[in-house]
PDB file of all heavy atoms in Angstrom:
ATOM      1  N   LEU A   1     -26.246  -4.693  -7.846  1.00  0.00           N
ATOM      2  CA  LEU A   1     -24.756  -4.758  -7.772  1.00  0.00           C
ATOM      3  C   LEU A   1     -24.138  -3.450  -8.222  1.00  0.00           C
ATOM      4  O   LEU A   1     -23.179  -2.989  -7.606  1.00  0.00           O
ATOM      5  CB  LEU A   1     -24.209  -5.848  -8.744  1.00  0.00           C
ATOM      6  CG  LEU A   1     -24.458  -7.313  -8.259  1.00  0.00           C
ATOM      7  CD1 LEU A   1     -24.069  -8.220  -9.337  1.00  0.00           C
ATOM      8  CD2 LEU A   1     -23.704  -7.522  -7.009  1.00  0.00           C
ATOM      9  N   PHE A   2     -24.675  -2.791  -9.221  1.00  0.00           N
ATOM     10  CA  PHE A   2     -24.163  -1.588  -9.712  1.00  0.00           C
ATOM     11  C   PHE A   2     -24.537  -0.423  -8.860  1.00  0.00           C
ATOM     12  O   PHE A   2     -23.836   0.646  -8.853  1.00  0.00           O
ATOM     13  CB  PHE A   2     -24.601  -1.305 -11.202  1.00  0.00           C
ATOM     14  CG  PHE A   2     -23.914  -2.250 -12.147  1.00  0.00           C
ATOM     15  CD1 PHE A   2     -24.657  -3.288 -12.738  1.00  0.00           C
ATOM     16  CD2 PHE A   2     -22.594  -2.081 -12.414  1.00  0.00           C
ATOM     17  CE1 PHE A   2     -24.069  -4.158 -13.575  1.00  0.00           C
ATOM     18  CE2 PHE A   2     -21.954  -2.995 -13.264  1.00  0.00           C
ATOM     19  CZ  PHE A   2     -22.742  -4.053 -13.894  1.00  0.00           C
ATOM     20  N   SER A   3     -25.616  -0.448  -8.130  1.00  0.00           N
ATOM     21  CA  SER A   3     -26.028   0.674  -7.310  1.00  0.00           C
ATOM     22  C   SER A   3     -25.543   0.549  -5.848  1.00  0.00           C
ATOM     23  O   SER A   3     -25.704   1.411  -5.068  1.00  0.00           O
ATOM     24  CB  SER A   3     -27.545   0.765  -7.293  1.00  0.00           C
ATOM     25  OG  SER A   3     -28.120  -0.362  -6.671  1.00  0.00           O
ATOM     26  N   ALA A   4     -24.887  -0.556  -5.564  1.00  0.00           N
ATOM     27  CA  ALA A   4     -24.416  -0.759  -4.190  1.00  0.00           C
ATOM     28  C   ALA A   4     -23.285   0.233  -3.887  1.00  0.00           C
ATOM     29  O   ALA A   4     -22.527   0.653  -4.719  1.00  0.00           O
ATOM     30  CB  ALA A   4     -23.868  -2.185  -3.976  1.00  0.00           C
ATOM     31  N   LYS A   5     -23.247   0.660  -2.630  1.00  0.00           N
ATOM     32  CA  LYS A   5     -22.176   1.548  -2.194  1.00  0.00           C
ATOM     33  C   LYS A   5     -20.860   0.838  -2.260  1.00  0.00           C
ATOM     34  O   LYS A   5     -20.757  -0.294  -1.840  1.00  0.00           O
ATOM     35  CB  LYS A   5     -22.462   2.122  -0.821  1.00  0.00           C
ATOM     36  CG  LYS A   5     -23.663   2.946  -0.684  1.00  0.00           C
ATOM     37  CD  LYS A   5     -23.851   3.429   0.712  1.00  0.00           C
ATOM     38  CE  LYS A   5     -25.087   4.314   0.792  1.00  0.00           C
ATOM     39  NZ  LYS A   5     -25.365   4.782   2.153  1.00  0.00           N
ATOM     40  N   PRO A   6     -19.830   1.529  -2.658  1.00  0.00           N
ATOM     41  CA  PRO A   6     -18.492   0.884  -2.706  1.00  0.00           C
ATOM     42  C   PRO A   6     -17.999   0.658  -1.266  1.00  0.00           C
ATOM     43  O   PRO A   6     -18.298   1.400  -0.334  1.00  0.00           O
ATOM     44  CB  PRO A   6     -17.575   1.921  -3.362  1.00  0.00           C
ATOM     45  CG  PRO A   6     -18.325   3.191  -3.295  1.00  0.00           C
ATOM     46  CD  PRO A   6     -19.766   2.876  -3.182  1.00  0.00           C
ATOM     47  N   VAL A   7     -17.305  -0.441  -1.133  1.00  0.00           N
ATOM     48  CA  VAL A   7     -16.748  -0.749   0.137  1.00  0.00           C
ATOM     49  C   VAL A   7     -15.503   0.129   0.392  1.00  0.00           C
ATOM     50  O   VAL A   7     -14.616   0.230  -0.467  1.00  0.00           O
ATOM     51  CB  VAL A   7     -16.312  -2.256   0.216  1.00  0.00           C
ATOM     52  CG1 VAL A   7     -15.635  -2.585   1.511  1.00  0.00           C
ATOM     53  CG2 VAL A   7     -17.510  -3.162  -0.003  1.00  0.00           C
ATOM     54  N   GLU A   8     -15.505   0.759   1.522  1.00  0.00           N
ATOM     55  CA  GLU A   8     -14.393   1.598   1.871  1.00  0.00           C
ATOM     56  C   GLU A   8     -13.449   0.890   2.808  1.00  0.00           C
ATOM     57  O   GLU A   8     -13.903   0.325   3.802  1.00  0.00           O
ATOM     58  CB  GLU A   8     -14.854   2.946   2.469  1.00  0.00           C
ATOM     59  CG  GLU A   8     -15.589   3.830   1.491  1.00  0.00           C
ATOM     60  CD  GLU A   8     -15.776   5.249   1.936  1.00  0.00           C
ATOM     61  OE1 GLU A   8     -15.047   5.673   2.811  1.00  0.00           O
ATOM     62  OE2 GLU A   8     -16.745   5.869   1.485  1.00  0.00           O
ATOM     63  N   THR A   9     -12.183   0.980   2.545  1.00  0.00           N
ATOM     64  CA  THR A   9     -11.158   0.330   3.378  1.00  0.00           C
ATOM     65  C   THR A   9     -10.622   1.432   4.278  1.00  0.00           C
ATOM     66  O   THR A   9     -10.223   2.468   3.842  1.00  0.00           O
ATOM     67  CB  THR A   9     -10.058  -0.245   2.510  1.00  0.00           C
ATOM     68  OG1 THR A   9     -10.651  -1.133   1.595  1.00  0.00           O
ATOM     69  CG2 THR A   9      -9.071  -1.012   3.387  1.00  0.00           C
ATOM     70  N   GLN A  10     -10.554   1.095   5.570  1.00  0.00           N
ATOM     71  CA  GLN A  10     -10.095   2.088   6.468  1.00  0.00           C
ATOM     72  C   GLN A  10      -8.572   2.147   6.449  1.00  0.00           C
ATOM     73  O   GLN A  10      -7.857   1.115   6.327  1.00  0.00           O
ATOM     74  CB  GLN A  10     -10.497   1.631   7.965  1.00  0.00           C
ATOM     75  CG  GLN A  10     -10.206   2.721   8.933  1.00  0.00           C
ATOM     76  CD  GLN A  10     -10.888   2.444  10.273  1.00  0.00           C
ATOM     77  OE1 GLN A  10     -11.594   1.481  10.380  1.00  0.00           O
ATOM     78  NE2 GLN A  10     -10.657   3.294  11.248  1.00  0.00           N
ATOM     79  N   LEU A  11      -8.018   3.354   6.501  1.00  0.00           N
ATOM     80  CA  LEU A  11      -6.548   3.526   6.502  1.00  0.00           C
ATOM     81  C   LEU A  11      -5.948   3.069   7.774  1.00  0.00           C
ATOM     82  O   LEU A  11      -6.579   3.175   8.858  1.00  0.00           O
ATOM     83  CB  LEU A  11      -6.205   4.967   6.256  1.00  0.00           C
ATOM     84  CG  LEU A  11      -6.412   5.523   4.853  1.00  0.00           C
ATOM     85  CD1 LEU A  11      -6.234   7.062   4.836  1.00  0.00           C
ATOM     86  CD2 LEU A  11      -5.456   4.869   3.929  1.00  0.00           C
ATOM     87  N   PRO A  12      -4.723   2.551   7.717  1.00  0.00           N
ATOM     88  CA  PRO A  12      -4.034   2.220   8.931  1.00  0.00           C
ATOM     89  C   PRO A  12      -3.704   3.516   9.740  1.00  0.00           C
ATOM     90  O   PRO A  12      -3.690   4.569   9.156  1.00  0.00           O
ATOM     91  CB  PRO A  12      -2.802   1.466   8.499  1.00  0.00           C
ATOM     92  CG  PRO A  12      -2.551   2.026   7.138  1.00  0.00           C
ATOM     93  CD  PRO A  12      -3.903   2.380   6.518  1.00  0.00           C
ATOM     94  N   PRO A  13      -3.302   3.331  10.980  1.00  0.00           N
ATOM     95  CA  PRO A  13      -2.902   4.491  11.735  1.00  0.00           C
ATOM     96  C   PRO A  13      -1.620   5.078  11.178  1.00  0.00           C
ATOM     97  O   PRO A  13      -0.798   4.390  10.639  1.00  0.00           O
ATOM     98  CB  PRO A  13      -2.691   4.009  13.170  1.00  0.00           C
ATOM     99  CG  PRO A  13      -2.515   2.528  12.987  1.00  0.00           C
ATOM    100  CD  PRO A  13      -3.244   2.151  11.781  1.00  0.00           C
ATOM    101  N   GLU A  14      -1.494   6.456  11.301  1.00  0.00           N
ATOM    102  CA  GLU A  14      -0.216   7.022  10.784  1.00  0.00           C
ATOM    103  C   GLU A  14       0.790   7.014  11.918  1.00  0.00           C
ATOM    104  O   GLU A  14       1.203   8.012  12.548  1.00  0.00           O
ATOM    105  CB  GLU A  14      -0.539   8.506  10.399  1.00  0.00           C
ATOM    106  CG  GLU A  14      -1.447   8.618   9.157  1.00  0.00           C
ATOM    107  CD  GLU A  14      -1.720  10.025   8.796  1.00  0.00           C
ATOM    108  OE1 GLU A  14      -1.025  10.958   9.191  1.00  0.00           O
ATOM    109  OE2 GLU A  14      -2.639  10.196   7.956  1.00  0.00           O
ATOM    110  N   ASP A  15       1.275   5.773  12.153  1.00  0.00           N
ATOM    111  CA  ASP A  15       2.259   5.544  13.199  1.00  0.00           C
ATOM    112  C   ASP A  15       3.612   5.186  12.547  1.00  0.00           C
ATOM    113  O   ASP A  15       3.676   5.060  11.321  1.00  0.00           O
ATOM    114  CB  ASP A  15       1.847   4.541  14.163  1.00  0.00           C
ATOM    115  CG  ASP A  15       1.542   3.131  13.559  1.00  0.00           C
ATOM    116  OD1 ASP A  15       1.928   2.912  12.393  1.00  0.00           O
ATOM    117  OD2 ASP A  15       0.950   2.318  14.224  1.00  0.00           O
ATOM    118  N   ALA A  16       4.646   5.076  13.347  1.00  0.00           N
ATOM    119  CA  ALA A  16       5.970   4.786  12.775  1.00  0.00           C
ATOM    120  C   ALA A  16       6.059   3.428  12.046  1.00  0.00           C
ATOM    121  O   ALA A  16       6.690   3.336  11.002  1.00  0.00           O
ATOM    122  CB  ALA A  16       7.033   4.846  13.945  1.00  0.00           C
ATOM    123  N   LYS A  17       5.390   2.476  12.570  1.00  0.00           N
ATOM    124  CA  LYS A  17       5.402   1.164  11.922  1.00  0.00           C
ATOM    125  C   LYS A  17       4.838   1.206  10.539  1.00  0.00           C
ATOM    126  O   LYS A  17       5.398   0.675   9.530  1.00  0.00           O
ATOM    127  CB  LYS A  17       4.620   0.104  12.753  1.00  0.00           C
ATOM    128  CG  LYS A  17       5.204  -0.254  14.037  1.00  0.00           C
ATOM    129  CD  LYS A  17       4.510  -1.443  14.736  1.00  0.00           C
ATOM    130  CE  LYS A  17       3.011  -1.434  14.673  1.00  0.00           C
ATOM    131  NZ  LYS A  17       2.368  -2.425  15.535  1.00  0.00           N
ATOM    132  N   HIS A  18       3.682   1.854  10.407  1.00  0.00           N
ATOM    133  CA  HIS A  18       3.027   1.946   9.072  1.00  0.00           C
ATOM    134  C   HIS A  18       3.719   2.953   8.191  1.00  0.00           C
ATOM    135  O   HIS A  18       3.727   2.795   6.945  1.00  0.00           O
ATOM    136  CB  HIS A  18       1.538   2.252   9.266  1.00  0.00           C
ATOM    137  CG  HIS A  18       0.717   1.080   9.770  1.00  0.00           C
ATOM    138  ND1 HIS A  18       0.603   0.942  11.130  1.00  0.00           N
ATOM    139  CD2 HIS A  18       0.209   0.015   9.166  1.00  0.00           C
ATOM    140  CE1 HIS A  18      -0.098  -0.218  11.340  1.00  0.00           C
ATOM    141  NE2 HIS A  18      -0.382  -0.748  10.143  1.00  0.00           N
ATOM    142  N   ALA A  19       4.289   3.996   8.744  1.00  0.00           N
ATOM    143  CA  ALA A  19       4.977   4.974   7.929  1.00  0.00           C
ATOM    144  C   ALA A  19       6.246   4.349   7.284  1.00  0.00           C
ATOM    145  O   ALA A  19       6.525   4.524   6.094  1.00  0.00           O
ATOM    146  CB  ALA A  19       5.395   6.217   8.751  1.00  0.00           C
ATOM    147  N   LEU A  20       6.954   3.537   8.080  1.00  0.00           N
ATOM    148  CA  LEU A  20       8.088   2.818   7.501  1.00  0.00           C
ATOM    149  C   LEU A  20       7.634   1.847   6.423  1.00  0.00           C
ATOM    150  O   LEU A  20       8.247   1.775   5.316  1.00  0.00           O
ATOM    151  CB  LEU A  20       8.899   2.054   8.596  1.00  0.00           C
ATOM    152  CG  LEU A  20      10.021   1.256   8.066  1.00  0.00           C
ATOM    153  CD1 LEU A  20      11.013   2.100   7.285  1.00  0.00           C
ATOM    154  CD2 LEU A  20      10.716   0.513   9.221  1.00  0.00           C
ATOM    155  N   GLY A  21       6.589   1.122   6.652  1.00  0.00           N
ATOM    156  CA  GLY A  21       6.031   0.205   5.677  1.00  0.00           C
ATOM    157  C   GLY A  21       5.646   0.962   4.383  1.00  0.00           C
ATOM    158  O   GLY A  21       5.911   0.466   3.356  1.00  0.00           O
ATOM    159  N   ALA A  22       5.024   2.131   4.570  1.00  0.00           N
ATOM    160  CA  ALA A  22       4.659   2.908   3.385  1.00  0.00           C
ATOM    161  C   ALA A  22       5.902   3.409   2.634  1.00  0.00           C
ATOM    162  O   ALA A  22       5.859   3.405   1.424  1.00  0.00           O
ATOM    163  CB  ALA A  22       3.775   4.135   3.864  1.00  0.00           C
ATOM    164  N   LEU A  23       6.999   3.726   3.380  1.00  0.00           N
ATOM    165  CA  LEU A  23       8.232   4.120   2.672  1.00  0.00           C
ATOM    166  C   LEU A  23       8.792   2.927   2.008  1.00  0.00           C
ATOM    167  O   LEU A  23       9.417   3.065   0.848  1.00  0.00           O
ATOM    168  CB  LEU A  23       9.195   4.717   3.709  1.00  0.00           C
ATOM    169  CG  LEU A  23       8.895   6.123   4.136  1.00  0.00           C
ATOM    170  CD1 LEU A  23       9.761   6.513   5.347  1.00  0.00           C
ATOM    171  CD2 LEU A  23       8.971   7.099   2.996  1.00  0.00           C
ATOM    172  N   LEU A  24       8.721   1.717   2.538  1.00  0.00           N
ATOM    173  CA  LEU A  24       9.232   0.545   1.898  1.00  0.00           C
ATOM    174  C   LEU A  24       8.478   0.345   0.539  1.00  0.00           C
ATOM    175  O   LEU A  24       9.073   0.090  -0.488  1.00  0.00           O
ATOM    176  CB  LEU A  24       9.047  -0.677   2.764  1.00  0.00           C
ATOM    177  CG  LEU A  24       9.893  -0.772   4.095  1.00  0.00           C
ATOM    178  CD1 LEU A  24       9.429  -1.839   4.962  1.00  0.00           C
ATOM    179  CD2 LEU A  24      11.359  -0.884   3.703  1.00  0.00           C
ATOM    180  N   VAL A  25       7.157   0.498   0.566  1.00  0.00           N
ATOM    181  CA  VAL A  25       6.397   0.331  -0.673  1.00  0.00           C
ATOM    182  C   VAL A  25       6.779   1.451  -1.636  1.00  0.00           C
ATOM    183  O   VAL A  25       6.963   1.127  -2.844  1.00  0.00           O
ATOM    184  CB  VAL A  25       4.869   0.386  -0.284  1.00  0.00           C
ATOM    185  CG1 VAL A  25       4.011   0.545  -1.556  1.00  0.00           C
ATOM    186  CG2 VAL A  25       4.461  -0.780   0.546  1.00  0.00           C
ATOM    187  N   ARG A  26       6.897   2.639  -1.154  1.00  0.00           N
ATOM    188  CA  ARG A  26       7.313   3.767  -2.026  1.00  0.00           C
ATOM    189  C   ARG A  26       8.617   3.459  -2.737  1.00  0.00           C
ATOM    190  O   ARG A  26       8.871   3.753  -3.855  1.00  0.00           O
ATOM    191  CB  ARG A  26       7.314   5.083  -1.252  1.00  0.00           C
ATOM    192  CG  ARG A  26       7.583   6.229  -2.194  1.00  0.00           C
ATOM    193  CD  ARG A  26       7.040   7.567  -1.608  1.00  0.00           C
ATOM    194  NE  ARG A  26       5.572   7.520  -1.508  1.00  0.00           N
ATOM    195  CZ  ARG A  26       4.860   8.379  -0.822  1.00  0.00           C
ATOM    196  NH1 ARG A  26       5.449   9.362  -0.186  1.00  0.00           N
ATOM    197  NH2 ARG A  26       3.512   8.196  -0.774  1.00  0.00           N
ATOM    198  N   ALA A  27       9.606   2.988  -1.931  1.00  0.00           N
ATOM    199  CA  ALA A  27      10.908   2.632  -2.509  1.00  0.00           C
ATOM    200  C   ALA A  27      10.787   1.580  -3.599  1.00  0.00           C
ATOM    201  O   ALA A  27      11.454   1.690  -4.663  1.00  0.00           O
ATOM    202  CB  ALA A  27      11.899   2.145  -1.373  1.00  0.00           C
ATOM    203  N   ALA A  28       9.928   0.622  -3.369  1.00  0.00           N
ATOM    204  CA  ALA A  28       9.753  -0.471  -4.399  1.00  0.00           C
ATOM    205  C   ALA A  28       9.079   0.122  -5.663  1.00  0.00           C
ATOM    206  O   ALA A  28       9.374  -0.363  -6.700  1.00  0.00           O
ATOM    207  CB  ALA A  28       8.936  -1.613  -3.760  1.00  0.00           C
ATOM    208  N   LYS A  29       8.193   1.105  -5.504  1.00  0.00           N
ATOM    209  CA  LYS A  29       7.497   1.614  -6.619  1.00  0.00           C
ATOM    210  C   LYS A  29       8.259   2.761  -7.325  1.00  0.00           C
ATOM    211  O   LYS A  29       7.801   3.236  -8.354  1.00  0.00           O
ATOM    212  CB  LYS A  29       6.155   2.185  -6.196  1.00  0.00           C
ATOM    213  CG  LYS A  29       5.195   1.142  -5.753  1.00  0.00           C
ATOM    214  CD  LYS A  29       3.840   1.790  -5.322  1.00  0.00           C
ATOM    215  CE  LYS A  29       2.752   0.852  -5.002  1.00  0.00           C
ATOM    216  NZ  LYS A  29       1.482   1.544  -4.647  1.00  0.00           N
ATOM    217  N   ALA A  30       9.338   3.199  -6.767  1.00  0.00           N
ATOM    218  CA  ALA A  30      10.029   4.386  -7.321  1.00  0.00           C
ATOM    219  C   ALA A  30      10.487   4.281  -8.750  1.00  0.00           C
ATOM    220  O   ALA A  30      10.556   5.218  -9.482  1.00  0.00           O
ATOM    221  CB  ALA A  30      11.322   4.755  -6.424  1.00  0.00           C
ATOM    222  N   ASP A  31      10.731   3.031  -9.210  1.00  0.00           N
ATOM    223  CA  ASP A  31      11.165   2.818 -10.547  1.00  0.00           C
ATOM    224  C   ASP A  31      10.028   2.455 -11.456  1.00  0.00           C
ATOM    225  O   ASP A  31      10.205   1.983 -12.598  1.00  0.00           O
ATOM    226  CB  ASP A  31      12.295   1.746 -10.644  1.00  0.00           C
ATOM    227  CG  ASP A  31      11.825   0.420 -10.118  1.00  0.00           C
ATOM    228  OD1 ASP A  31      10.702   0.306  -9.658  1.00  0.00           O
ATOM    229  OD2 ASP A  31      12.637  -0.584 -10.129  1.00  0.00           O
ATOM    230  N   ASN A  32       8.811   2.734 -11.011  1.00  0.00           N
ATOM    231  CA  ASN A  32       7.592   2.439 -11.735  1.00  0.00           C
ATOM    232  C   ASN A  32       7.308   0.944 -12.014  1.00  0.00           C
ATOM    233  O   ASN A  32       6.690   0.586 -12.976  1.00  0.00           O
ATOM    234  CB  ASN A  32       7.483   3.224 -13.053  1.00  0.00           C
ATOM    235  CG  ASN A  32       7.458   4.694 -12.806  1.00  0.00           C
ATOM    236  OD1 ASN A  32       6.712   5.126 -11.927  1.00  0.00           O
ATOM    237  ND2 ASN A  32       8.263   5.488 -13.512  1.00  0.00           N
ATOM    238  N   ALA A  33       7.968   0.093 -11.211  1.00  0.00           N
ATOM    239  CA  ALA A  33       7.729  -1.334 -11.275  1.00  0.00           C
ATOM    240  C   ALA A  33       7.677  -1.884  -9.881  1.00  0.00           C
ATOM    241  O   ALA A  33       8.602  -1.764  -9.139  1.00  0.00           O
ATOM    242  CB  ALA A  33       8.898  -1.954 -12.080  1.00  0.00           C
ATOM    243  N   TYR A  34       6.564  -2.493  -9.507  1.00  0.00           N
ATOM    244  CA  TYR A  34       6.373  -3.026  -8.174  1.00  0.00           C
ATOM    245  C   TYR A  34       6.416  -4.491  -8.348  1.00  0.00           C
ATOM    246  O   TYR A  34       5.356  -5.101  -8.620  1.00  0.00           O
ATOM    247  CB  TYR A  34       5.049  -2.489  -7.630  1.00  0.00           C
ATOM    248  CG  TYR A  34       4.778  -2.727  -6.215  1.00  0.00           C
ATOM    249  CD1 TYR A  34       5.811  -2.663  -5.223  1.00  0.00           C
ATOM    250  CD2 TYR A  34       3.503  -2.993  -5.759  1.00  0.00           C
ATOM    251  CE1 TYR A  34       5.532  -2.894  -3.868  1.00  0.00           C
ATOM    252  CE2 TYR A  34       3.197  -3.200  -4.347  1.00  0.00           C
ATOM    253  CZ  TYR A  34       4.197  -3.091  -3.456  1.00  0.00           C
ATOM    254  OH  TYR A  34       3.973  -3.309  -2.141  1.00  0.00           O
ATOM    255  N   LEU A  35       7.535  -5.073  -8.198  1.00  0.00           N
ATOM    256  CA  LEU A  35       7.800  -6.502  -8.535  1.00  0.00           C
ATOM    257  C   LEU A  35       7.685  -7.437  -7.346  1.00  0.00           C
ATOM    258  O   LEU A  35       7.810  -7.033  -6.200  1.00  0.00           O
ATOM    259  CB  LEU A  35       9.176  -6.658  -9.186  1.00  0.00           C
ATOM    260  CG  LEU A  35       9.383  -5.754 -10.445  1.00  0.00           C
ATOM    261  CD1 LEU A  35      10.853  -5.925 -10.873  1.00  0.00           C
ATOM    262  CD2 LEU A  35       8.446  -6.164 -11.488  1.00  0.00           C
ATOM    263  N   TYR A  36       7.455  -8.730  -7.651  1.00  0.00           N
ATOM    264  CA  TYR A  36       7.257  -9.697  -6.658  1.00  0.00           C
ATOM    265  C   TYR A  36       8.477  -9.779  -5.711  1.00  0.00           C
ATOM    266  O   TYR A  36       8.310  -9.942  -4.484  1.00  0.00           O
ATOM    267  CB  TYR A  36       7.082 -11.064  -7.332  1.00  0.00           C
ATOM    268  CG  TYR A  36       7.077 -12.233  -6.319  1.00  0.00           C
ATOM    269  CD1 TYR A  36       5.911 -12.475  -5.565  1.00  0.00           C
ATOM    270  CD2 TYR A  36       8.128 -13.049  -6.154  1.00  0.00           C
ATOM    271  CE1 TYR A  36       5.866 -13.429  -4.610  1.00  0.00           C
ATOM    272  CE2 TYR A  36       8.138 -14.076  -5.219  1.00  0.00           C
ATOM    273  CZ  TYR A  36       7.019 -14.290  -4.458  1.00  0.00           C
ATOM    274  OH  TYR A  36       7.041 -15.321  -3.545  1.00  0.00           O
ATOM    275  N   GLU A  37       9.660  -9.675  -6.207  1.00  0.00           N
ATOM    276  CA  GLU A  37      10.889  -9.772  -5.388  1.00  0.00           C
ATOM    277  C   GLU A  37      10.872  -8.628  -4.348  1.00  0.00           C
ATOM    278  O   GLU A  37      11.281  -8.821  -3.211  1.00  0.00           O
ATOM    279  CB  GLU A  37      12.141  -9.613  -6.246  1.00  0.00           C
ATOM    280  CG  GLU A  37      12.334 -10.701  -7.203  1.00  0.00           C
ATOM    281  CD  GLU A  37      11.725 -10.559  -8.542  1.00  0.00           C
ATOM    282  OE1 GLU A  37      10.893  -9.568  -8.713  1.00  0.00           O
ATOM    283  OE2 GLU A  37      11.868 -11.395  -9.435  1.00  0.00           O
ATOM    284  N   GLU A  38      10.392  -7.480  -4.710  1.00  0.00           N
ATOM    285  CA  GLU A  38      10.342  -6.363  -3.774  1.00  0.00           C
ATOM    286  C   GLU A  38       9.263  -6.597  -2.721  1.00  0.00           C
ATOM    287  O   GLU A  38       9.442  -6.346  -1.545  1.00  0.00           O
ATOM    288  CB  GLU A  38       9.988  -5.069  -4.499  1.00  0.00           C
ATOM    289  CG  GLU A  38      11.193  -4.650  -5.492  1.00  0.00           C
ATOM    290  CD  GLU A  38      10.777  -3.651  -6.539  1.00  0.00           C
ATOM    291  OE1 GLU A  38       9.650  -3.705  -7.050  1.00  0.00           O
ATOM    292  OE2 GLU A  38      11.614  -2.785  -6.774  1.00  0.00           O
ATOM    293  N   VAL A  39       8.087  -7.063  -3.156  1.00  0.00           N
ATOM    294  CA  VAL A  39       7.012  -7.388  -2.240  1.00  0.00           C
ATOM    295  C   VAL A  39       7.454  -8.454  -1.213  1.00  0.00           C
ATOM    296  O   VAL A  39       7.193  -8.342  -0.028  1.00  0.00           O
ATOM    297  CB  VAL A  39       5.792  -7.847  -2.978  1.00  0.00           C
ATOM    298  CG1 VAL A  39       4.678  -8.442  -2.064  1.00  0.00           C
ATOM    299  CG2 VAL A  39       5.185  -6.753  -3.827  1.00  0.00           C
ATOM    300  N   GLU A  40       8.207  -9.401  -1.708  1.00  0.00           N
ATOM    301  CA  GLU A  40       8.679 -10.509  -0.810  1.00  0.00           C
ATOM    302  C   GLU A  40       9.600  -9.952   0.264  1.00  0.00           C
ATOM    303  O   GLU A  40       9.563 -10.359   1.357  1.00  0.00           O
ATOM    304  CB  GLU A  40       9.360 -11.530  -1.713  1.00  0.00           C
ATOM    305  CG  GLU A  40       9.751 -12.813  -1.053  1.00  0.00           C
ATOM    306  CD  GLU A  40      10.320 -13.814  -2.020  1.00  0.00           C
ATOM    307  OE1 GLU A  40      11.116 -13.505  -2.861  1.00  0.00           O
ATOM    308  OE2 GLU A  40       9.875 -15.019  -1.915  1.00  0.00           O
ATOM    309  N   VAL A  41      10.535  -9.046  -0.168  1.00  0.00           N
ATOM    310  CA  VAL A  41      11.514  -8.465   0.729  1.00  0.00           C
ATOM    311  C   VAL A  41      10.744  -7.576   1.746  1.00  0.00           C
ATOM    312  O   VAL A  41      11.028  -7.577   2.979  1.00  0.00           O
ATOM    313  CB  VAL A  41      12.558  -7.649   0.054  1.00  0.00           C
ATOM    314  CG1 VAL A  41      13.402  -6.799   0.953  1.00  0.00           C
ATOM    315  CG2 VAL A  41      13.463  -8.633  -0.734  1.00  0.00           C
TER     316      VAL A  41
END
């Protein structure tokens, strides 16, 4: 278990849909609190 290679998650494409989503996440995290209400929105 300890010597197993870590699972790598592939990044999404750097397209407009995902860039906007990333900006939404960044806006939610800007105040150093990523809250359920923000995730829900």
